[in-house]
PDB file of N, CA and C in Angstrom:
ATOM      1  N   MET A   1     166.548 113.526  42.863  1.00  0.00           N
ATOM      2  CA  MET A   1     164.919 113.452  43.046  1.00  0.00           C
ATOM      3  C   MET A   1     164.728 112.013  42.580  1.00  0.00           C
ATOM      4  N   LYS A   2     164.053 110.910  43.540  1.00  0.00           N
ATOM      5  CA  LYS A   2     164.101 109.451  43.774  1.00  0.00           C
ATOM      6  C   LYS A   2     162.513 109.536  43.082  1.00  0.00           C
ATOM      7  N   PHE A   3     162.209 108.235  42.505  1.00  0.00           N
ATOM      8  CA  PHE A   3     160.671 108.105  41.946  1.00  0.00           C
ATOM      9  C   PHE A   3     160.195 106.816  42.063  1.00  0.00           C
ATOM     10  N   LEU A   4     158.980 106.572  42.217  1.00  0.00           N
ATOM     11  CA  LEU A   4     158.422 105.066  41.950  1.00  0.00           C
ATOM     12  C   LEU A   4     157.371 105.338  41.184  1.00  0.00           C
ATOM     13  N   THR A   5     157.537 104.447  40.517  1.00  0.00           N
ATOM     14  CA  THR A   5     156.518 104.240  39.015  1.00  0.00           C
ATOM     15  C   THR A   5     155.225 103.285  39.184  1.00  0.00           C
ATOM     16  N   ASP A   6     154.507 103.967  39.142  1.00  0.00           N
ATOM     17  CA  ASP A   6     153.099 102.877  39.186  1.00  0.00           C
ATOM     18  C   ASP A   6     153.065 101.954  38.169  1.00  0.00           C
ATOM     19  N   GLU A   7     152.288 101.099  37.921  1.00  0.00           N
ATOM     20  CA  GLU A   7     152.555  99.962  36.844  1.00  0.00           C
ATOM     21  C   GLU A   7     151.851 100.594  35.533  1.00  0.00           C
ATOM     22  N   ASN A   8     151.391 101.975  35.826  1.00  0.00           N
ATOM     23  CA  ASN A   8     150.793 102.216  34.119  1.00  0.00           C
ATOM     24  C   ASN A   8     151.736 102.857  33.811  1.00  0.00           C
ATOM     25  N   ILE A   9     153.185 103.032  34.271  1.00  0.00           N
ATOM     26  CA  ILE A   9     154.099 103.968  33.810  1.00  0.00           C
ATOM     27  C   ILE A   9     155.242 102.853  32.811  1.00  0.00           C
ATOM     28  N   ALA A  10     155.117 103.252  31.325  1.00  0.00           N
ATOM     29  CA  ALA A  10     155.635 102.284  30.431  1.00  0.00           C
ATOM     30  C   ALA A  10     157.280 101.958  30.879  1.00  0.00           C
ATOM     31  N   SER A  11     157.946 100.870  31.127  1.00  0.00           N
ATOM     32  CA  SER A  11     159.231 100.823  30.816  1.00  0.00           C
ATOM     33  C   SER A  11     159.774 102.099  30.475  1.00  0.00           C
ATOM     34  N   HIS A  12     159.592 102.213  29.256  1.00  0.00           N
ATOM     35  CA  HIS A  12     160.589 103.037  28.560  1.00  0.00           C
ATOM     36  C   HIS A  12     160.687 104.282  29.189  1.00  0.00           C
ATOM     37  N   VAL A  13     159.853 104.995  29.594  1.00  0.00           N
ATOM     38  CA  VAL A  13     159.993 106.261  30.749  1.00  0.00           C
ATOM     39  C   VAL A  13     160.797 105.726  32.012  1.00  0.00           C
ATOM     40  N   VAL A  14     160.870 104.800  32.231  1.00  0.00           N
ATOM     41  CA  VAL A  14     161.791 104.424  33.800  1.00  0.00           C
ATOM     42  C   VAL A  14     163.317 104.644  32.879  1.00  0.00           C
ATOM     43  N   LEU A  15     163.459 103.724  31.815  1.00  0.00           N
ATOM     44  CA  LEU A  15     164.782 103.730  31.062  1.00  0.00           C
ATOM     45  C   LEU A  15     165.026 105.542  31.007  1.00  0.00           C
ATOM     46  N   LYS A  16     163.754 106.432  30.361  1.00  0.00           N
ATOM     47  CA  LYS A  16     164.516 107.346  29.884  1.00  0.00           C
ATOM     48  C   LYS A  16     165.209 108.359  31.162  1.00  0.00           C
ATOM     49  N   LEU A  17     164.059 107.946  32.450  1.00  0.00           N
ATOM     50  CA  LEU A  17     164.244 108.847  33.364  1.00  0.00           C
ATOM     51  C   LEU A  17     166.110 108.345  34.239  1.00  0.00           C
ATOM     52  N   ARG A  18     166.165 107.120  34.156  1.00  0.00           N
ATOM     53  CA  ARG A  18     167.411 106.433  34.604  1.00  0.00           C
ATOM     54  C   ARG A  18     168.388 106.858  33.631  1.00  0.00           C
ATOM     55  N   GLN A  19     168.471 107.246  32.288  1.00  0.00           N
ATOM     56  CA  GLN A  19     169.232 107.454  31.497  1.00  0.00           C
ATOM     57  C   GLN A  19     169.586 108.870  31.851  1.00  0.00           C
ATOM     58  N   ALA A  20     168.434 109.793  32.504  1.00  0.00           N
ATOM     59  CA  ALA A  20     168.783 111.181  33.140  1.00  0.00           C
ATOM     60  C   ALA A  20     169.527 110.984  34.215  1.00  0.00           C
ATOM     61  N   ASN A  21     169.924 109.766  34.900  1.00  0.00           N
ATOM     62  CA  ASN A  21     170.690 109.628  35.835  1.00  0.00           C
ATOM     63  C   ASN A  21     169.422 109.638  37.519  1.00  0.00           C
ATOM     64  N   TYR A  22     167.970 109.885  37.103  1.00  0.00           N
ATOM     65  CA  TYR A  22     167.091 109.833  38.042  1.00  0.00           C
ATOM     66  C   TYR A  22     167.191 108.224  39.117  1.00  0.00           C
ATOM     67  N   ASP A  23     166.690 108.367  40.155  1.00  0.00           N
ATOM     68  CA  ASP A  23     167.076 107.027  41.025  1.00  0.00           C
ATOM     69  C   ASP A  23     165.169 106.770  40.694  1.00  0.00           C
ATOM     70  N   VAL A  24     165.052 105.767  40.383  1.00  0.00           N
ATOM     71  CA  VAL A  24     163.709 105.033  39.617  1.00  0.00           C
ATOM     72  C   VAL A  24     163.609 103.562  40.278  1.00  0.00           C
ATOM     73  N   LYS A  25     162.600 103.705  41.110  1.00  0.00           N
ATOM     74  CA  LYS A  25     161.791 101.788  41.195  1.00  0.00           C
ATOM     75  C   LYS A  25     160.779 102.101  40.599  1.00  0.00           C
ATOM     76  N   ASP A  26     160.813 100.422  39.957  1.00  0.00           N
ATOM     77  CA  ASP A  26     159.750 100.415  39.054  1.00  0.00           C
ATOM     78  C   ASP A  26     158.678  99.418  39.496  1.00  0.00           C
ATOM     79  N   VAL A  27     157.455  99.312  39.807  1.00  0.00           N
ATOM     80  CA  VAL A  27     156.829  98.394  40.661  1.00  0.00           C
ATOM     81  C   VAL A  27     156.555  97.320  39.488  1.00  0.00           C
ATOM     82  N   LYS A  28     156.764  96.968  38.447  1.00  0.00           N
ATOM     83  CA  LYS A  28     156.782  96.046  37.861  1.00  0.00           C
ATOM     84  C   LYS A  28     157.859  94.997  37.515  1.00  0.00           C
ATOM     85  N   GLU A  29     159.132  95.884  37.831  1.00  0.00           N
ATOM     86  CA  GLU A  29     160.262  95.083  38.130  1.00  0.00           C
ATOM     87  C   GLU A  29     160.760  94.779  39.333  1.00  0.00           C
ATOM     88  N   GLU A  30     160.026  94.952  40.504  1.00  0.00           N
ATOM     89  CA  GLU A  30     160.054  95.117  41.986  1.00  0.00           C
ATOM     90  C   GLU A  30     158.781  93.633  42.370  1.00  0.00           C
ATOM     91  N   ALA A  31     158.249  93.531  40.997  1.00  0.00           N
ATOM     92  CA  ALA A  31     156.850  92.304  41.064  1.00  0.00           C
ATOM     93  C   ALA A  31     156.193  92.747  42.658  1.00  0.00           C
ATOM     94  N   LEU A  32     155.802  94.346  42.226  1.00  0.00           N
ATOM     95  CA  LEU A  32     154.642  94.691  43.067  1.00  0.00           C
ATOM     96  C   LEU A  32     153.357  95.234  42.399  1.00  0.00           C
ATOM     97  N   ARG A  33     153.019  94.524  41.152  1.00  0.00           N
ATOM     98  CA  ARG A  33     151.718  94.336  40.291  1.00  0.00           C
ATOM     99  C   ARG A  33     150.881  94.376  41.438  1.00  0.00           C
ATOM    100  N   GLY A  34     149.998  95.208  41.300  1.00  0.00           N
ATOM    101  CA  GLY A  34     148.743  95.401  41.962  1.00  0.00           C
ATOM    102  C   GLY A  34     148.490  95.630  43.291  1.00  0.00           C
ATOM    103  N   LEU A  35     149.522  96.465  43.778  1.00  0.00           N
ATOM    104  CA  LEU A  35     149.477  97.330  44.838  1.00  0.00           C
ATOM    105  C   LEU A  35     148.182  98.027  45.378  1.00  0.00           C
ATOM    106  N   SER A  36     147.625  98.513  46.326  1.00  0.00           N
ATOM    107  CA  SER A  36     146.446  99.414  46.153  1.00  0.00           C
ATOM    108  C   SER A  36     147.251 100.935  46.302  1.00  0.00           C
ATOM    109  N   ASP A  37     146.417 101.883  45.725  1.00  0.00           N
ATOM    110  CA  ASP A  37     146.679 103.024  45.639  1.00  0.00           C
ATOM    111  C   ASP A  37     147.227 103.512  47.336  1.00  0.00           C
ATOM    112  N   LYS A  38     146.519 103.485  48.093  1.00  0.00           N
ATOM    113  CA  LYS A  38     147.479 103.227  49.519  1.00  0.00           C
ATOM    114  C   LYS A  38     148.796 102.928  49.715  1.00  0.00           C
ATOM    115  N   LYS A  39     149.007 101.478  49.302  1.00  0.00           N
ATOM    116  CA  LYS A  39     150.076 100.639  49.348  1.00  0.00           C
ATOM    117  C   LYS A  39     151.110 101.720  48.812  1.00  0.00           C
ATOM    118  N   LEU A  40     150.957 101.804  47.731  1.00  0.00           N
ATOM    119  CA  LEU A  40     151.865 102.743  46.657  1.00  0.00           C
ATOM    120  C   LEU A  40     152.544 103.796  47.451  1.00  0.00           C
ATOM    121  N   LEU A  41     151.190 104.848  47.811  1.00  0.00           N
ATOM    122  CA  LEU A  41     151.480 105.917  48.800  1.00  0.00           C
ATOM    123  C   LEU A  41     152.451 105.906  49.846  1.00  0.00           C
ATOM    124  N   GLU A  42     151.956 104.807  50.504  1.00  0.00           N
ATOM    125  CA  GLU A  42     152.621 104.299  51.706  1.00  0.00           C
ATOM    126  C   GLU A  42     154.222 103.909  51.316  1.00  0.00           C
ATOM    127  N   LEU A  43     154.538 102.967  50.169  1.00  0.00           N
ATOM    128  CA  LEU A  43     155.930 102.400  49.757  1.00  0.00           C
ATOM    129  C   LEU A  43     156.589 104.186  49.283  1.00  0.00           C
ATOM    130  N   SER A  44     156.082 104.795  48.685  1.00  0.00           N
ATOM    131  CA  SER A  44     156.775 106.206  48.112  1.00  0.00           C
ATOM    132  C   SER A  44     157.054 106.707  49.237  1.00  0.00           C
ATOM    133  N   TYR A  45     156.231 106.936  50.510  1.00  0.00           N
ATOM    134  CA  TYR A  45     156.448 107.795  51.443  1.00  0.00           C
ATOM    135  C   TYR A  45     157.586 107.587  52.335  1.00  0.00           C
ATOM    136  N   LYS A  46     157.618 106.066  52.553  1.00  0.00           N
ATOM    137  CA  LYS A  46     158.492 105.482  53.479  1.00  0.00           C
ATOM    138  C   LYS A  46     160.122 105.501  52.589  1.00  0.00           C
ATOM    139  N   GLU A  47     159.898 105.478  51.209  1.00  0.00           N
ATOM    140  CA  GLU A  47     161.289 105.176  50.732  1.00  0.00           C
ATOM    141  C   GLU A  47     161.546 106.892  50.270  1.00  0.00           C
ATOM    142  N   LYS A  48     160.633 107.924  50.982  1.00  0.00           N
ATOM    143  CA  LYS A  48     161.141 109.500  50.110  1.00  0.00           C
ATOM    144  C   LYS A  48     161.432 109.658  48.648  1.00  0.00           C
ATOM    145  N   ARG A  49     160.076 109.131  47.947  1.00  0.00           N
ATOM    146  CA  ARG A  49     159.909 108.758  46.524  1.00  0.00           C
ATOM    147  C   ARG A  49     158.938 109.717  45.945  1.00  0.00           C
ATOM    148  N   VAL A  50     158.918 110.163  44.893  1.00  0.00           N
ATOM    149  CA  VAL A  50     157.879 111.063  44.498  1.00  0.00           C
ATOM    150  C   VAL A  50     157.349 109.703  43.275  1.00  0.00           C
ATOM    151  N   LEU A  51     156.258 109.829  43.560  1.00  0.00           N
ATOM    152  CA  LEU A  51     155.182 108.814  42.933  1.00  0.00           C
ATOM    153  C   LEU A  51     154.839 109.326  41.538  1.00  0.00           C
ATOM    154  N   LEU A  52     155.068 108.524  40.742  1.00  0.00           N
ATOM    155  CA  LEU A  52     154.714 108.962  39.165  1.00  0.00           C
ATOM    156  C   LEU A  52     153.281 107.509  38.185  1.00  0.00           C
ATOM    157  N   SER A  53     152.303 108.344  38.250  1.00  0.00           N
ATOM    158  CA  SER A  53     151.270 107.497  37.883  1.00  0.00           C
ATOM    159  C   SER A  53     150.173 108.357  37.016  1.00  0.00           C
ATOM    160  N   HIS A  54     149.638 107.359  35.861  1.00  0.00           N
ATOM    161  CA  HIS A  54     148.651 108.046  34.873  1.00  0.00           C
ATOM    162  C   HIS A  54     147.480 107.871  35.501  1.00  0.00           C
ATOM    163  N   ASP A  55     147.185 107.512  36.892  1.00  0.00           N
ATOM    164  CA  ASP A  55     145.801 107.103  37.428  1.00  0.00           C
ATOM    165  C   ASP A  55     145.425 108.679  38.257  1.00  0.00           C
ATOM    166  N   LYS A  56     144.307 109.046  37.827  1.00  0.00           N
ATOM    167  CA  LYS A  56     143.662 110.215  37.862  1.00  0.00           C
ATOM    168  C   LYS A  56     143.047 110.462  39.361  1.00  0.00           C
ATOM    169  N   ASP A  57     142.924 109.291  39.900  1.00  0.00           N
ATOM    170  CA  ASP A  57     142.402 108.860  41.308  1.00  0.00           C
ATOM    171  C   ASP A  57     143.520 109.455  42.429  1.00  0.00           C
ATOM    172  N   PHE A  58     144.986 110.028  41.892  1.00  0.00           N
ATOM    173  CA  PHE A  58     145.333 110.533  43.115  1.00  0.00           C
ATOM    174  C   PHE A  58     145.306 112.278  43.243  1.00  0.00           C
ATOM    175  N   ILE A  59     144.585 112.688  42.171  1.00  0.00           N
ATOM    176  CA  ILE A  59     144.241 114.405  42.258  1.00  0.00           C
ATOM    177  C   ILE A  59     143.478 114.474  43.302  1.00  0.00           C
ATOM    178  N   HIS A  60     142.429 113.758  43.810  1.00  0.00           N
ATOM    179  CA  HIS A  60     141.657 114.293  44.462  1.00  0.00           C
ATOM    180  C   HIS A  60     141.799 113.684  45.952  1.00  0.00           C
ATOM    181  N   LEU A  61     143.550 113.574  46.797  1.00  0.00           N
ATOM    182  CA  LEU A  61     143.659 112.898  47.741  1.00  0.00           C
ATOM    183  C   LEU A  61     143.582 113.903  48.847  1.00  0.00           C
ATOM    184  N   PRO A  62     142.717 112.976  50.054  1.00  0.00           N
ATOM    185  CA  PRO A  62     142.726 114.123  51.228  1.00  0.00           C
ATOM    186  C   PRO A  62     143.831 114.724  51.407  1.00  0.00           C
ATOM    187  N   ALA A  63     143.783 115.607  52.203  1.00  0.00           N
ATOM    188  CA  ALA A  63     144.872 116.557  52.813  1.00  0.00           C
ATOM    189  C   ALA A  63     145.895 116.003  53.554  1.00  0.00           C
ATOM    190  N   ARG A  64     145.082 115.195  54.230  1.00  0.00           N
ATOM    191  CA  ARG A  64     145.751 114.261  55.418  1.00  0.00           C
ATOM    192  C   ARG A  64     146.886 113.191  54.804  1.00  0.00           C
ATOM    193  N   VAL A  65     146.733 112.778  53.657  1.00  0.00           N
ATOM    194  CA  VAL A  65     147.233 111.448  53.291  1.00  0.00           C
ATOM    195  C   VAL A  65     149.022 111.620  53.229  1.00  0.00           C
ATOM    196  N   LYS A  66     149.636 111.169  53.527  1.00  0.00           N
ATOM    197  CA  LYS A  66     151.297 111.747  53.502  1.00  0.00           C
ATOM    198  C   LYS A  66     151.683 111.296  52.289  1.00  0.00           C
ATOM    199  N   HIS A  67     152.599 111.968  51.772  1.00  0.00           N
ATOM    200  CA  HIS A  67     153.107 111.531  50.171  1.00  0.00           C
ATOM    201  C   HIS A  67     154.482 112.526  50.169  1.00  0.00           C
ATOM    202  N   ASN A  68     155.417 112.232  49.651  1.00  0.00           N
ATOM    203  CA  ASN A  68     156.528 112.995  49.017  1.00  0.00           C
ATOM    204  C   ASN A  68     156.300 113.740  47.995  1.00  0.00           C
ATOM    205  N   GLY A  69     155.425 113.531  47.725  1.00  0.00           N
ATOM    206  CA  GLY A  69     155.076 114.193  45.792  1.00  0.00           C
ATOM    207  C   GLY A  69     154.772 113.134  44.899  1.00  0.00           C
ATOM    208  N   ILE A  70     153.755 113.687  44.249  1.00  0.00           N
ATOM    209  CA  ILE A  70     152.854 113.006  43.181  1.00  0.00           C
ATOM    210  C   ILE A  70     152.500 113.540  41.890  1.00  0.00           C
ATOM    211  N   ILE A  71     153.353 112.990  40.711  1.00  0.00           N
ATOM    212  CA  ILE A  71     153.037 113.479  39.516  1.00  0.00           C
ATOM    213  C   ILE A  71     152.114 112.778  38.965  1.00  0.00           C
ATOM    214  N   ILE A  72     151.301 113.423  38.255  1.00  0.00           N
ATOM    215  CA  ILE A  72     149.794 112.822  37.843  1.00  0.00           C
ATOM    216  C   ILE A  72     150.045 112.949  36.071  1.00  0.00           C
ATOM    217  N   ILE A  73     150.323 111.793  34.869  1.00  0.00           N
ATOM    218  CA  ILE A  73     150.790 112.480  33.868  1.00  0.00           C
ATOM    219  C   ILE A  73     149.502 112.033  32.969  1.00  0.00           C
ATOM    220  N   ARG A  74     148.549 113.186  32.517  1.00  0.00           N
ATOM    221  CA  ARG A  74     147.617 112.927  31.244  1.00  0.00           C
ATOM    222  C   ARG A  74     147.600 113.766  30.092  1.00  0.00           C
ATOM    223  N   LEU A  75     148.204 113.100  29.428  1.00  0.00           N
ATOM    224  CA  LEU A  75     148.264 113.813  27.737  1.00  0.00           C
ATOM    225  C   LEU A  75     147.673 113.007  26.870  1.00  0.00           C
ATOM    226  N   GLN A  76     147.116 113.976  25.945  1.00  0.00           N
ATOM    227  CA  GLN A  76     146.515 113.231  25.139  1.00  0.00           C
ATOM    228  C   GLN A  76     146.621 112.109  24.280  1.00  0.00           C
ATOM    229  N   TRP A  77     147.930 112.195  23.769  1.00  0.00           N
ATOM    230  CA  TRP A  77     149.156 111.041  23.306  1.00  0.00           C
ATOM    231  C   TRP A  77     149.863 110.575  24.010  1.00  0.00           C
ATOM    232  N   GLN A  78     149.499 109.448  25.233  1.00  0.00           N
ATOM    233  CA  GLN A  78     150.604 109.113  25.902  1.00  0.00           C
ATOM    234  C   GLN A  78     151.171 107.956  25.431  1.00  0.00           C
ATOM    235  N   THR A  79     151.897 108.426  24.693  1.00  0.00           N
ATOM    236  CA  THR A  79     152.936 107.474  24.207  1.00  0.00           C
ATOM    237  C   THR A  79     154.207 107.245  24.850  1.00  0.00           C
ATOM    238  N   PRO A  80     154.685 106.236  25.176  1.00  0.00           N
ATOM    239  CA  PRO A  80     155.922 106.235  26.235  1.00  0.00           C
ATOM    240  C   PRO A  80     157.040 107.693  25.804  1.00  0.00           C
ATOM    241  N   GLU A  81     157.359 107.823  24.472  1.00  0.00           N
ATOM    242  CA  GLU A  81     158.054 108.827  23.827  1.00  0.00           C
ATOM    243  C   GLU A  81     157.270 110.178  24.712  1.00  0.00           C
ATOM    244  N   SER A  82     155.996 110.507  24.025  1.00  0.00           N
ATOM    245  CA  SER A  82     155.580 111.660  24.672  1.00  0.00           C
ATOM    246  C   SER A  82     155.743 111.691  26.173  1.00  0.00           C
ATOM    247  N   VAL A  83     155.444 111.046  26.690  1.00  0.00           N
ATOM    248  CA  VAL A  83     155.268 111.174  27.991  1.00  0.00           C
ATOM    249  C   VAL A  83     156.699 111.226  29.023  1.00  0.00           C
ATOM    250  N   SER A  84     157.570 110.827  28.285  1.00  0.00           N
ATOM    251  CA  SER A  84     159.066 110.304  28.871  1.00  0.00           C
ATOM    252  C   SER A  84     159.471 112.290  28.526  1.00  0.00           C
ATOM    253  N   GLN A  85     159.304 112.735  27.296  1.00  0.00           N
ATOM    254  CA  GLN A  85     159.698 114.030  26.783  1.00  0.00           C
ATOM    255  C   GLN A  85     158.967 115.139  27.624  1.00  0.00           C
ATOM    256  N   ARG A  86     157.695 114.975  27.680  1.00  0.00           N
ATOM    257  CA  ARG A  86     156.782 116.035  28.909  1.00  0.00           C
ATOM    258  C   ARG A  86     157.861 115.737  30.295  1.00  0.00           C
ATOM    259  N   LEU A  87     157.789 114.815  30.820  1.00  0.00           N
ATOM    260  CA  LEU A  87     158.204 114.823  31.924  1.00  0.00           C
ATOM    261  C   LEU A  87     159.555 115.367  32.398  1.00  0.00           C
ATOM    262  N   LEU A  88     160.531 114.804  31.324  1.00  0.00           N
ATOM    263  CA  LEU A  88     161.799 115.359  31.481  1.00  0.00           C
ATOM    264  C   LEU A  88     162.116 116.917  31.241  1.00  0.00           C
ATOM    265  N   HIS A  89     160.873 117.470  30.525  1.00  0.00           N
ATOM    266  CA  HIS A  89     161.212 118.744  30.390  1.00  0.00           C
ATOM    267  C   HIS A  89     160.722 119.282  31.244  1.00  0.00           C
ATOM    268  N   LEU A  90     159.650 119.012  32.531  1.00  0.00           N
ATOM    269  CA  LEU A  90     159.198 119.480  33.567  1.00  0.00           C
ATOM    270  C   LEU A  90     160.602 119.235  34.826  1.00  0.00           C
ATOM    271  N   LEU A  91     161.238 118.368  34.684  1.00  0.00           N
ATOM    272  CA  LEU A  91     162.317 117.862  35.939  1.00  0.00           C
ATOM    273  C   LEU A  91     163.424 118.703  35.279  1.00  0.00           C
ATOM    274  N   ARG A  92     163.568 119.671  34.121  1.00  0.00           N
ATOM    275  CA  ARG A  92     164.265 120.149  33.894  1.00  0.00           C
ATOM    276  C   ARG A  92     164.339 121.465  33.798  1.00  0.00           C
ATOM    277  N   SER A  93     163.062 122.129  34.137  1.00  0.00           N
ATOM    278  CA  SER A  93     162.403 123.140  34.721  1.00  0.00           C
ATOM    279  C   SER A  93     162.731 123.868  36.003  1.00  0.00           C
ATOM    280  N   SER A  94     162.136 124.971  36.063  1.00  0.00           N
ATOM    281  CA  SER A  94     162.306 125.929  37.619  1.00  0.00           C
ATOM    282  C   SER A  94     161.543 125.397  38.603  1.00  0.00           C
ATOM    283  N   LEU A  95     160.292 124.867  37.579  1.00  0.00           N
ATOM    284  CA  LEU A  95     159.176 124.165  38.307  1.00  0.00           C
ATOM    285  C   LEU A  95     159.536 122.740  39.327  1.00  0.00           C
ATOM    286  N   ARG A  96     160.564 122.186  38.954  1.00  0.00           N
ATOM    287  CA  ARG A  96     161.130 120.706  39.509  1.00  0.00           C
ATOM    288  C   ARG A  96     161.621 121.136  41.140  1.00  0.00           C
ATOM    289  N   ARG A  97     161.791 122.439  41.645  1.00  0.00           N
ATOM    290  CA  ARG A  97     161.938 122.446  42.865  1.00  0.00           C
ATOM    291  C   ARG A  97     160.557 122.455  44.127  1.00  0.00           C
ATOM    292  N   LYS A  98     159.418 122.666  42.946  1.00  0.00           N
ATOM    293  CA  LYS A  98     158.143 122.800  43.761  1.00  0.00           C
ATOM    294  C   LYS A  98     157.191 121.516  43.322  1.00  0.00           C
ATOM    295  N   LEU A  99     158.170 120.605  43.247  1.00  0.00           N
ATOM    296  CA  LEU A  99     157.290 118.972  43.042  1.00  0.00           C
ATOM    297  C   LEU A  99     157.105 118.402  44.574  1.00  0.00           C
ATOM    298  N   ALA A 100     158.099 118.491  45.230  1.00  0.00           N
ATOM    299  CA  ALA A 100     158.235 117.726  46.509  1.00  0.00           C
ATOM    300  C   ALA A 100     156.990 117.978  47.428  1.00  0.00           C
ATOM    301  N   ASN A 101     156.530 116.754  47.699  1.00  0.00           N
ATOM    302  CA  ASN A 101     155.254 116.883  48.834  1.00  0.00           C
ATOM    303  C   ASN A 101     153.792 117.621  48.142  1.00  0.00           C
ATOM    304  N   ARG A 102     153.921 117.746  46.845  1.00  0.00           N
ATOM    305  CA  ARG A 102     152.745 118.242  46.118  1.00  0.00           C
ATOM    306  C   ARG A 102     151.956 117.284  45.350  1.00  0.00           C
ATOM    307  N   VAL A 103     150.795 117.535  45.306  1.00  0.00           N
ATOM    308  CA  VAL A 103     150.280 116.409  43.610  1.00  0.00           C
ATOM    309  C   VAL A 103     150.277 117.722  42.681  1.00  0.00           C
ATOM    310  N   THR A 104     150.667 117.377  41.807  1.00  0.00           N
ATOM    311  CA  THR A 104     151.300 118.030  40.378  1.00  0.00           C
ATOM    312  C   THR A 104     150.311 116.971  39.319  1.00  0.00           C
ATOM    313  N   LEU A 105     149.753 117.799  38.569  1.00  0.00           N
ATOM    314  CA  LEU A 105     148.983 117.140  37.312  1.00  0.00           C
ATOM    315  C   LEU A 105     149.639 117.694  35.954  1.00  0.00           C
ATOM    316  N   LEU A 106     150.248 117.001  35.172  1.00  0.00           N
ATOM    317  CA  LEU A 106     150.975 117.127  34.027  1.00  0.00           C
ATOM    318  C   LEU A 106     150.433 116.693  32.937  1.00  0.00           C
ATOM    319  N   THR A 107     150.089 117.654  32.201  1.00  0.00           N
ATOM    320  CA  THR A 107     149.091 118.038  31.061  1.00  0.00           C
ATOM    321  C   THR A 107     149.763 118.172  29.792  1.00  0.00           C
ATOM    322  N   ASP A 108     149.539 118.104  28.537  1.00  0.00           N
ATOM    323  CA  ASP A 108     150.345 118.484  27.271  1.00  0.00           C
ATOM    324  C   ASP A 108     150.552 120.120  27.022  1.00  0.00           C
ATOM    325  N   THR A 109     149.781 120.808  28.218  1.00  0.00           N
ATOM    326  CA  THR A 109     149.884 122.191  27.886  1.00  0.00           C
ATOM    327  C   THR A 109     150.128 123.033  29.157  1.00  0.00           C
ATOM    328  N   ARG A 110     149.914 122.387  30.341  1.00  0.00           N
ATOM    329  CA  ARG A 110     150.156 123.199  31.422  1.00  0.00           C
ATOM    330  C   ARG A 110     150.443 122.140  32.773  1.00  0.00           C
ATOM    331  N   VAL A 111     150.650 122.518  33.768  1.00  0.00           N
ATOM    332  CA  VAL A 111     151.396 122.137  34.729  1.00  0.00           C
ATOM    333  C   VAL A 111     150.788 122.568  35.798  1.00  0.00           C
ATOM    334  N   VAL A 112     149.903 121.558  36.911  1.00  0.00           N
ATOM    335  CA  VAL A 112     149.003 122.248  38.173  1.00  0.00           C
ATOM    336  C   VAL A 112     149.745 121.647  39.412  1.00  0.00           C
ATOM    337  N   LEU A 113     150.104 122.608  40.067  1.00  0.00           N
ATOM    338  CA  LEU A 113     150.423 122.048  41.140  1.00  0.00           C
ATOM    339  C   LEU A 113     149.676 122.201  42.314  1.00  0.00           C
ATOM    340  N   ARG A 114     149.235 121.415  43.481  1.00  0.00           N
ATOM    341  CA  ARG A 114     148.264 121.477  44.502  1.00  0.00           C
ATOM    342  C   ARG A 114     148.829 121.227  45.977  1.00  0.00           C
TER     343      ARG A 114
END
């Protein structure tokens, strides 16, 4: 699974994903800060990457918007360590197979797939 991380995803999370052998493109490292949500989605779709973000604006995307999957992380305590742990837990679970082409809301207590 390949990821594109929004600029609001901490570098620590990017590092933890890479250490777990995931292919991660970080907009901060690529000097792509400030890209609009539309441009982020286009880039992630073009490169067949799942978009990772804390931005709740992605929750209500129109059905016609093309994407390879979006994971929106909304934890009560969004420390880089807690985000890394919760995200890696999801990616190691059986739900991993259901993430492609879906908008996923990841919270402290649940995973909502749309």
